[in-house]
Amino acid sequence: MCNADDDVSLDLNLGDGLGKGEPVDDCLGLEEGELVLSIQEQYTTLPGKVSVFFRVSDTSGNPVPGLTANQFTIYEQGRNDDCFKPFPL
């Protein structure tokens, strides 16, 4: 029998498909973290609505409960941007 926690791999997925992992761009100035964010599902509705469902775990794979929206920062990078910029919400 499996549960939802069985599908979480803490290894960086550099392959194809949903949840493809990429090293964090150095221009963001972020240090090594203690949390793992994994994309569970993503949708795009034209002309520009994007929905991303994700899970946050610690480095041992345990879910991190109680996080709120104000504890996250969303970044975007335009075609002419050298680095990512915080997305205004």
PDB file of N, CA and C in Angstrom:
ATOM      1  N   MET A   1       0.843  -1.183   0.000  1.00  0.00           N
ATOM      2  CA  MET A   1       0.000   0.000   0.000  1.00  0.00           C
ATOM      3  C   MET A   1       0.885   1.242   0.000  1.00  0.00           C
ATOM      4  N   CYS A   2       0.488   2.270  -0.725  1.00  0.00           N
ATOM      5  CA  CYS A   2       1.253   3.512  -0.841  1.00  0.00           C
ATOM      6  C   CYS A   2       0.430   4.661  -0.293  1.00  0.00           C
ATOM      7  N   ASN A   3       1.115   5.718   0.067  1.00  0.00           N
ATOM      8  CA  ASN A   3       0.424   6.953   0.395  1.00  0.00           C
ATOM      9  C   ASN A   3       1.094   8.089  -0.358  1.00  0.00           C
ATOM     10  N   ALA A   4       0.574   9.288  -0.212  1.00  0.00           N
ATOM     11  CA  ALA A   4       1.078  10.434  -0.987  1.00  0.00           C
ATOM     12  C   ALA A   4       2.535  10.730  -0.691  1.00  0.00           C
ATOM     13  N   ASP A   5       3.020  10.387   0.504  1.00  0.00           N
ATOM     14  CA  ASP A   5       4.408  10.670   0.849  1.00  0.00           C
ATOM     15  C   ASP A   5       5.384   9.778   0.091  1.00  0.00           C
ATOM     16  N   ASP A   6       4.912   8.639  -0.436  1.00  0.00           N
ATOM     17  CA  ASP A   6       5.790   7.712  -1.126  1.00  0.00           C
ATOM     18  C   ASP A   6       6.292   8.243  -2.462  1.00  0.00           C
ATOM     19  N   ASP A   7       5.621   9.264  -3.032  1.00  0.00           N
ATOM     20  CA  ASP A   7       6.019   9.771  -4.338  1.00  0.00           C
ATOM     21  C   ASP A   7       7.006  10.922  -4.255  1.00  0.00           C
ATOM     22  N   VAL A   8       7.476  11.259  -3.065  1.00  0.00           N
ATOM     23  CA  VAL A   8       8.389  12.380  -2.891  1.00  0.00           C
ATOM     24  C   VAL A   8       9.823  11.884  -2.933  1.00  0.00           C
ATOM     25  N   SER A   9      10.590  12.422  -3.842  1.00  0.00           N
ATOM     26  CA  SER A   9      12.022  12.152  -3.905  1.00  0.00           C
ATOM     27  C   SER A   9      12.750  13.437  -3.585  1.00  0.00           C
ATOM     28  N   LEU A  10      13.708  13.366  -2.675  1.00  0.00           N
ATOM     29  CA  LEU A  10      14.445  14.570  -2.290  1.00  0.00           C
ATOM     30  C   LEU A  10      15.633  14.829  -3.207  1.00  0.00           C
ATOM     31  N   ASP A  11      15.841  13.939  -4.187  1.00  0.00           N
ATOM     32  CA  ASP A  11      16.905  14.155  -5.151  1.00  0.00           C
ATOM     33  C   ASP A  11      16.441  15.142  -6.203  1.00  0.00           C
ATOM     34  N   LEU A  12      17.349  15.989  -6.688  1.00  0.00           N
ATOM     35  CA  LEU A  12      17.022  16.970  -7.711  1.00  0.00           C
ATOM     36  C   LEU A  12      16.731  16.244  -9.020  1.00  0.00           C
ATOM     37  N   ASN A  13      15.535  16.449  -9.571  1.00  0.00           N
ATOM     38  CA  ASN A  13      15.114  15.813 -10.812  1.00  0.00           C
ATOM     39  C   ASN A  13      15.521  16.713 -11.978  1.00  0.00           C
ATOM     40  N   LEU A  14      16.567  16.352 -12.683  1.00  0.00           N
ATOM     41  CA  LEU A  14      17.022  17.149 -13.823  1.00  0.00           C
ATOM     42  C   LEU A  14      16.519  16.570 -15.144  1.00  0.00           C
ATOM     43  N   GLY A  15      15.586  15.625 -15.081  1.00  0.00           N
ATOM     44  CA  GLY A  15      15.016  15.014 -16.284  1.00  0.00           C
ATOM     45  C   GLY A  15      13.876  15.837 -16.832  1.00  0.00           C
ATOM     46  N   ASP A  16      13.060  15.187 -17.649  1.00  0.00           N
ATOM     47  CA  ASP A  16      11.924  15.857 -18.264  1.00  0.00           C
ATOM     48  C   ASP A  16      10.678  15.678 -17.410  1.00  0.00           C
ATOM     49  N   GLY A  17       9.662  16.480 -17.680  1.00  0.00           N
ATOM     50  CA  GLY A  17       8.364  16.282 -17.064  1.00  0.00           C
ATOM     51  C   GLY A  17       8.097  17.184 -15.891  1.00  0.00           C
ATOM     52  N   LEU A  18       6.897  17.005 -15.332  1.00  0.00           N
ATOM     53  CA  LEU A  18       6.441  17.815 -14.212  1.00  0.00           C
ATOM     54  C   LEU A  18       7.383  17.676 -13.031  1.00  0.00           C
ATOM     55  N   GLY A  19       7.639  18.776 -12.375  1.00  0.00           N
ATOM     56  CA  GLY A  19       8.517  18.748 -11.216  1.00  0.00           C
ATOM     57  C   GLY A  19       9.985  18.742 -11.576  1.00  0.00           C
ATOM     58  N   LYS A  20      10.293  19.007 -12.852  1.00  0.00           N
ATOM     59  CA  LYS A  20      11.687  19.054 -13.264  1.00  0.00           C
ATOM     60  C   LYS A  20      12.422  20.049 -12.388  1.00  0.00           C
ATOM     61  N   GLY A  21      13.452  19.593 -11.745  1.00  0.00           N
ATOM     62  CA  GLY A  21      14.213  20.456 -10.848  1.00  0.00           C
ATOM     63  C   GLY A  21      15.342  21.158 -11.557  1.00  0.00           C
ATOM     64  N   GLU A  22      15.620  22.344 -11.107  1.00  0.00           N
ATOM     65  CA  GLU A  22      16.743  23.105 -11.630  1.00  0.00           C
ATOM     66  C   GLU A  22      17.426  23.777 -10.454  1.00  0.00           C
ATOM     67  N   PRO A  23      18.747  23.846 -10.483  1.00  0.00           N
ATOM     68  CA  PRO A  23      19.429  24.578  -9.417  1.00  0.00           C
ATOM     69  C   PRO A  23      18.936  26.030  -9.388  1.00  0.00           C
ATOM     70  N   VAL A  24      18.872  26.593  -8.196  1.00  0.00           N
ATOM     71  CA  VAL A  24      18.423  27.972  -8.030  1.00  0.00           C
ATOM     72  C   VAL A  24      19.445  28.912  -8.649  1.00  0.00           C
ATOM     73  N   ASP A  25      18.961  29.905  -9.404  1.00  0.00           N
ATOM     74  CA  ASP A  25      19.838  30.873 -10.057  1.00  0.00           C
ATOM     75  C   ASP A  25      20.618  31.662  -9.004  1.00  0.00           C
ATOM     76  N   ASP A  26      21.928  31.781  -9.186  1.00  0.00           N
ATOM     77  CA  ASP A  26      22.787  32.486  -8.226  1.00  0.00           C
ATOM     78  C   ASP A  26      22.400  33.942  -8.033  1.00  0.00           C
ATOM     79  N   CYS A  27      21.768  34.563  -9.040  1.00  0.00           N
ATOM     80  CA  CYS A  27      21.437  35.989  -8.939  1.00  0.00           C
ATOM     81  C   CYS A  27      20.410  36.256  -7.838  1.00  0.00           C
ATOM     82  N   LEU A  28      19.674  35.212  -7.394  1.00  0.00           N
ATOM     83  CA  LEU A  28      18.699  35.409  -6.321  1.00  0.00           C
ATOM     84  C   LEU A  28      19.366  35.566  -4.958  1.00  0.00           C
ATOM     85  N   GLY A  29      20.596  35.104  -4.821  1.00  0.00           N
ATOM     86  CA  GLY A  29      21.309  35.245  -3.554  1.00  0.00           C
ATOM     87  C   GLY A  29      20.744  34.375  -2.440  1.00  0.00           C
ATOM     88  N   LEU A  30      20.102  33.255  -2.794  1.00  0.00           N
ATOM     89  CA  LEU A  30      19.537  32.359  -1.792  1.00  0.00           C
ATOM     90  C   LEU A  30      20.591  31.348  -1.359  1.00  0.00           C
ATOM     91  N   GLU A  31      20.592  31.029  -0.075  1.00  0.00           N
ATOM     92  CA  GLU A  31      21.533  30.062   0.450  1.00  0.00           C
ATOM     93  C   GLU A  31      20.900  28.670   0.428  1.00  0.00           C
ATOM     94  N   GLU A  32      21.689  27.666   0.788  1.00  0.00           N
ATOM     95  CA  GLU A  32      21.192  26.297   0.892  1.00  0.00           C
ATOM     96  C   GLU A  32      20.041  26.272   1.881  1.00  0.00           C
ATOM     97  N   GLY A  33      18.953  25.619   1.542  1.00  0.00           N
ATOM     98  CA  GLY A  33      17.768  25.621   2.390  1.00  0.00           C
ATOM     99  C   GLY A  33      17.566  24.328   3.137  1.00  0.00           C
ATOM    100  N   GLU A  34      16.611  24.360   4.034  1.00  0.00           N
ATOM    101  CA  GLU A  34      16.257  23.187   4.819  1.00  0.00           C
ATOM    102  C   GLU A  34      14.894  22.639   4.403  1.00  0.00           C
ATOM    103  N   LEU A  35      14.299  23.244   3.376  1.00  0.00           N
ATOM    104  CA  LEU A  35      12.992  22.808   2.906  1.00  0.00           C
ATOM    105  C   LEU A  35      13.073  22.426   1.437  1.00  0.00           C
ATOM    106  N   VAL A  36      12.195  21.510   1.033  1.00  0.00           N
ATOM    107  CA  VAL A  36      12.121  21.051  -0.350  1.00  0.00           C
ATOM    108  C   VAL A  36      10.733  21.385  -0.872  1.00  0.00           C
ATOM    109  N   LEU A  37      10.665  22.108  -1.985  1.00  0.00           N
ATOM    110  CA  LEU A  37       9.397  22.437  -2.622  1.00  0.00           C
ATOM    111  C   LEU A  37       9.276  21.564  -3.855  1.00  0.00           C
ATOM    112  N   SER A  38       8.213  20.760  -3.931  1.00  0.00           N
ATOM    113  CA  SER A  38       8.015  19.908  -5.105  1.00  0.00           C
ATOM    114  C   SER A  38       6.670  20.217  -5.744  1.00  0.00           C
ATOM    115  N   ILE A  39       6.694  20.433  -7.053  1.00  0.00           N
ATOM    116  CA  ILE A  39       5.471  20.741  -7.797  1.00  0.00           C
ATOM    117  C   ILE A  39       4.660  19.458  -7.935  1.00  0.00           C
ATOM    118  N   GLN A  40       3.389  19.522  -7.540  1.00  0.00           N
ATOM    119  CA  GLN A  40       2.494  18.380  -7.637  1.00  0.00           C
ATOM    120  C   GLN A  40       1.661  18.434  -8.915  1.00  0.00           C
ATOM    121  N   GLU A  41       1.225  19.622  -9.297  1.00  0.00           N
ATOM    122  CA  GLU A  41       0.403  19.806 -10.490  1.00  0.00           C
ATOM    123  C   GLU A  41       0.507  21.256 -10.935  1.00  0.00           C
ATOM    124  N   GLN A  42       0.344  21.521 -12.224  1.00  0.00           N
ATOM    125  CA  GLN A  42       0.380  22.889 -12.730  1.00  0.00           C
ATOM    126  C   GLN A  42      -0.584  23.026 -13.903  1.00  0.00           C
ATOM    127  N   TYR A  43      -1.204  24.209 -13.998  1.00  0.00           N
ATOM    128  CA  TYR A  43      -2.179  24.496 -15.045  1.00  0.00           C
ATOM    129  C   TYR A  43      -1.943  25.907 -15.573  1.00  0.00           C
ATOM    130  N   THR A  44      -2.214  26.102 -16.835  1.00  0.00           N
ATOM    131  CA  THR A  44      -2.181  27.435 -17.428  1.00  0.00           C
ATOM    132  C   THR A  44      -3.499  27.661 -18.147  1.00  0.00           C
ATOM    133  N   THR A  45      -4.125  28.798 -17.874  1.00  0.00           N
ATOM    134  CA  THR A  45      -5.349  29.191 -18.541  1.00  0.00           C
ATOM    135  C   THR A  45      -5.079  30.511 -19.242  1.00  0.00           C
ATOM    136  N   LEU A  46      -5.216  30.527 -20.557  1.00  0.00           N
ATOM    137  CA  LEU A  46      -4.935  31.744 -21.318  1.00  0.00           C
ATOM    138  C   LEU A  46      -5.974  32.812 -21.010  1.00  0.00           C
ATOM    139  N   PRO A  47      -5.620  34.077 -20.984  1.00  0.00           N
ATOM    140  CA  PRO A  47      -4.383  34.607 -21.525  1.00  0.00           C
ATOM    141  C   PRO A  47      -3.205  34.600 -20.559  1.00  0.00           C
ATOM    142  N   GLY A  48      -3.389  34.482 -19.253  1.00  0.00           N
ATOM    143  CA  GLY A  48      -2.201  34.540 -18.399  1.00  0.00           C
ATOM    144  C   GLY A  48      -2.393  34.054 -16.984  1.00  0.00           C
ATOM    145  N   LYS A  49      -3.308  33.140 -16.743  1.00  0.00           N
ATOM    146  CA  LYS A  49      -3.513  32.625 -15.390  1.00  0.00           C
ATOM    147  C   LYS A  49      -2.723  31.333 -15.229  1.00  0.00           C
ATOM    148  N   VAL A  50      -1.888  31.293 -14.202  1.00  0.00           N
ATOM    149  CA  VAL A  50      -1.074  30.119 -13.923  1.00  0.00           C
ATOM    150  C   VAL A  50      -1.400  29.634 -12.517  1.00  0.00           C
ATOM    151  N   SER A  51      -1.664  28.352 -12.369  1.00  0.00           N
ATOM    152  CA  SER A  51      -1.911  27.738 -11.065  1.00  0.00           C
ATOM    153  C   SER A  51      -0.872  26.651 -10.849  1.00  0.00           C
ATOM    154  N   VAL A  52      -0.222  26.682  -9.700  1.00  0.00           N
ATOM    155  CA  VAL A  52       0.783  25.681  -9.365  1.00  0.00           C
ATOM    156  C   VAL A  52       0.461  25.140  -7.980  1.00  0.00           C
ATOM    157  N   PHE A  53       0.295  23.833  -7.880  1.00  0.00           N
ATOM    158  CA  PHE A  53       0.062  23.171  -6.604  1.00  0.00           C
ATOM    159  C   PHE A  53       1.362  22.487  -6.205  1.00  0.00           C
ATOM    160  N   PHE A  54       1.817  22.759  -5.005  1.00  0.00           N
ATOM    161  CA  PHE A  54       3.097  22.220  -4.586  1.00  0.00           C
ATOM    162  C   PHE A  54       3.036  21.736  -3.148  1.00  0.00           C
ATOM    163  N   ARG A  55       4.051  20.984  -2.780  1.00  0.00           N
ATOM    164  CA  ARG A  55       4.186  20.446  -1.438  1.00  0.00           C
ATOM    165  C   ARG A  55       5.512  20.943  -0.872  1.00  0.00           C
ATOM    166  N   VAL A  56       5.520  21.255   0.407  1.00  0.00           N
ATOM    167  CA  VAL A  56       6.741  21.659   1.088  1.00  0.00           C
ATOM    168  C   VAL A  56       7.065  20.589   2.122  1.00  0.00           C
ATOM    169  N   SER A  57       8.292  20.073   2.056  1.00  0.00           N
ATOM    170  CA  SER A  57       8.762  19.051   2.980  1.00  0.00           C
ATOM    171  C   SER A  57      10.090  19.491   3.569  1.00  0.00           C
ATOM    172  N   ASP A  58      10.460  18.889   4.708  1.00  0.00           N
ATOM    173  CA  ASP A  58      11.814  19.110   5.211  1.00  0.00           C
ATOM    174  C   ASP A  58      12.746  18.163   4.461  1.00  0.00           C
ATOM    175  N   THR A  59      14.029  18.235   4.711  1.00  0.00           N
ATOM    176  CA  THR A  59      14.984  17.427   3.949  1.00  0.00           C
ATOM    177  C   THR A  59      14.897  15.942   4.282  1.00  0.00           C
ATOM    178  N   SER A  60      14.100  15.575   5.288  1.00  0.00           N
ATOM    179  CA  SER A  60      13.857  14.168   5.600  1.00  0.00           C
ATOM    180  C   SER A  60      12.581  13.663   4.934  1.00  0.00           C
ATOM    181  N   GLY A  61      11.865  14.544   4.212  1.00  0.00           N
ATOM    182  CA  GLY A  61      10.648  14.152   3.518  1.00  0.00           C
ATOM    183  C   GLY A  61       9.380  14.336   4.322  1.00  0.00           C
ATOM    184  N   ASN A  62       9.467  14.921   5.517  1.00  0.00           N
ATOM    185  CA  ASN A  62       8.285  15.152   6.344  1.00  0.00           C
ATOM    186  C   ASN A  62       7.567  16.413   5.889  1.00  0.00           C
ATOM    187  N   PRO A  63       6.224  16.357   5.734  1.00  0.00           N
ATOM    188  CA  PRO A  63       5.469  17.549   5.335  1.00  0.00           C
ATOM    189  C   PRO A  63       5.645  18.683   6.348  1.00  0.00           C
ATOM    190  N   VAL A  64       5.654  19.916   5.851  1.00  0.00           N
ATOM    191  CA  VAL A  64       5.756  21.101   6.710  1.00  0.00           C
ATOM    192  C   VAL A  64       4.376  21.748   6.758  1.00  0.00           C
ATOM    193  N   PRO A  65       3.661  21.594   7.876  1.00  0.00           N
ATOM    194  CA  PRO A  65       2.308  22.145   7.976  1.00  0.00           C
ATOM    195  C   PRO A  65       2.306  23.602   8.411  1.00  0.00           C
ATOM    196  N   GLY A  66       1.165  24.266   8.212  1.00  0.00           N
ATOM    197  CA  GLY A  66       0.941  25.590   8.774  1.00  0.00           C
ATOM    198  C   GLY A  66       1.554  26.753   8.027  1.00  0.00           C
ATOM    199  N   LEU A  67       2.077  26.536   6.829  1.00  0.00           N
ATOM    200  CA  LEU A  67       2.648  27.648   6.068  1.00  0.00           C
ATOM    201  C   LEU A  67       1.523  28.497   5.491  1.00  0.00           C
ATOM    202  N   THR A  68       1.731  29.800   5.443  1.00  0.00           N
ATOM    203  CA  THR A  68       0.729  30.712   4.899  1.00  0.00           C
ATOM    204  C   THR A  68       1.315  31.449   3.690  1.00  0.00           C
ATOM    205  N   ALA A  69       0.434  32.045   2.889  1.00  0.00           N
ATOM    206  CA  ALA A  69       0.846  32.715   1.650  1.00  0.00           C
ATOM    207  C   ALA A  69       1.887  33.803   1.892  1.00  0.00           C
ATOM    208  N   ASN A  70       1.812  34.507   3.015  1.00  0.00           N
ATOM    209  CA  ASN A  70       2.767  35.595   3.255  1.00  0.00           C
ATOM    210  C   ASN A  70       4.168  35.085   3.588  1.00  0.00           C
ATOM    211  N   GLN A  71       4.355  33.782   3.683  1.00  0.00           N
ATOM    212  CA  GLN A  71       5.676  33.208   3.926  1.00  0.00           C
ATOM    213  C   GLN A  71       6.383  32.800   2.632  1.00  0.00           C
ATOM    214  N   PHE A  72       5.768  33.109   1.495  1.00  0.00           N
ATOM    215  CA  PHE A  72       6.327  32.752   0.198  1.00  0.00           C
ATOM    216  C   PHE A  72       6.566  34.004  -0.631  1.00  0.00           C
ATOM    217  N   THR A  73       7.580  33.958  -1.477  1.00  0.00           N
ATOM    218  CA  THR A  73       7.831  35.008  -2.453  1.00  0.00           C
ATOM    219  C   THR A  73       7.860  34.351  -3.823  1.00  0.00           C
ATOM    220  N   ILE A  74       7.105  34.887  -4.753  1.00  0.00           N
ATOM    221  CA  ILE A  74       7.083  34.379  -6.122  1.00  0.00           C
ATOM    222  C   ILE A  74       7.970  35.287  -6.962  1.00  0.00           C
ATOM    223  N   TYR A  75       8.851  34.674  -7.763  1.00  0.00           N
ATOM    224  CA  TYR A  75       9.761  35.424  -8.613  1.00  0.00           C
ATOM    225  C   TYR A  75       9.420  35.157 -10.075  1.00  0.00           C
ATOM    226  N   GLU A  76       9.687  36.144 -10.917  1.00  0.00           N
ATOM    227  CA  GLU A  76       9.517  35.980 -12.360  1.00  0.00           C
ATOM    228  C   GLU A  76      10.735  36.581 -13.056  1.00  0.00           C
ATOM    229  N   GLN A  77      10.991  36.104 -14.273  1.00  0.00           N
ATOM    230  CA  GLN A  77      12.084  36.639 -15.075  1.00  0.00           C
ATOM    231  C   GLN A  77      11.570  36.878 -16.479  1.00  0.00           C
ATOM    232  N   GLY A  78      11.552  38.138 -16.880  1.00  0.00           N
ATOM    233  CA  GLY A  78      11.127  38.490 -18.229  1.00  0.00           C
ATOM    234  C   GLY A  78      12.229  38.243 -19.236  1.00  0.00           C
ATOM    235  N   ARG A  79      11.883  38.329 -20.496  1.00  0.00           N
ATOM    236  CA  ARG A  79      12.865  38.087 -21.566  1.00  0.00           C
ATOM    237  C   ARG A  79      14.073  39.003 -21.473  1.00  0.00           C
ATOM    238  N   ASN A  80      13.861  40.227 -21.037  1.00  0.00           N
ATOM    239  CA  ASN A  80      14.960  41.202 -21.001  1.00  0.00           C
ATOM    240  C   ASN A  80      15.561  41.379 -19.613  1.00  0.00           C
ATOM    241  N   ASP A  81      15.173  40.554 -18.661  1.00  0.00           N
ATOM    242  CA  ASP A  81      15.693  40.655 -17.297  1.00  0.00           C
ATOM    243  C   ASP A  81      16.936  39.787 -17.130  1.00  0.00           C
ATOM    244  N   ASP A  82      17.959  40.350 -16.478  1.00  0.00           N
ATOM    245  CA  ASP A  82      19.162  39.578 -16.188  1.00  0.00           C
ATOM    246  C   ASP A  82      18.941  38.583 -15.057  1.00  0.00           C
ATOM    247  N   CYS A  83      18.057  38.929 -14.146  1.00  0.00           N
ATOM    248  CA  CYS A  83      17.813  38.088 -12.983  1.00  0.00           C
ATOM    249  C   CYS A  83      16.317  38.067 -12.678  1.00  0.00           C
ATOM    250  N   PHE A  84      15.910  37.163 -11.808  1.00  0.00           N
ATOM    251  CA  PHE A  84      14.531  37.083 -11.380  1.00  0.00           C
ATOM    252  C   PHE A  84      14.178  38.275 -10.496  1.00  0.00           C
ATOM    253  N   LYS A  85      12.932  38.701 -10.550  1.00  0.00           N
ATOM    254  CA  LYS A  85      12.429  39.810  -9.738  1.00  0.00           C
ATOM    255  C   LYS A  85      11.203  39.330  -8.976  1.00  0.00           C
ATOM    256  N   PRO A  86      10.993  39.838  -7.753  1.00  0.00           N
ATOM    257  CA  PRO A  86       9.761  39.458  -7.036  1.00  0.00           C
ATOM    258  C   PRO A  86       8.538  39.836  -7.844  1.00  0.00           C
ATOM    259  N   PHE A  87       7.586  38.918  -7.923  1.00  0.00           N
ATOM    260  CA  PHE A  87       6.357  39.126  -8.655  1.00  0.00           C
ATOM    261  C   PHE A  87       5.392  39.898  -7.756  1.00  0.00           C
ATOM    262  N   PRO A  88       4.875  41.030  -8.203  1.00  0.00           N
ATOM    263  CA  PRO A  88       3.949  41.792  -7.358  1.00  0.00           C
ATOM    264  C   PRO A  88       2.606  41.084  -7.259  1.00  0.00           C
ATOM    265  N   LEU A  89       2.158  40.858  -6.052  1.00  0.00           N
ATOM    266  CA  LEU A  89       0.869  40.184  -5.853  1.00  0.00           C
ATOM    267  C   LEU A  89      -0.227  41.165  -5.558  1.00  0.00           C
TER     268      LEU A  89
END
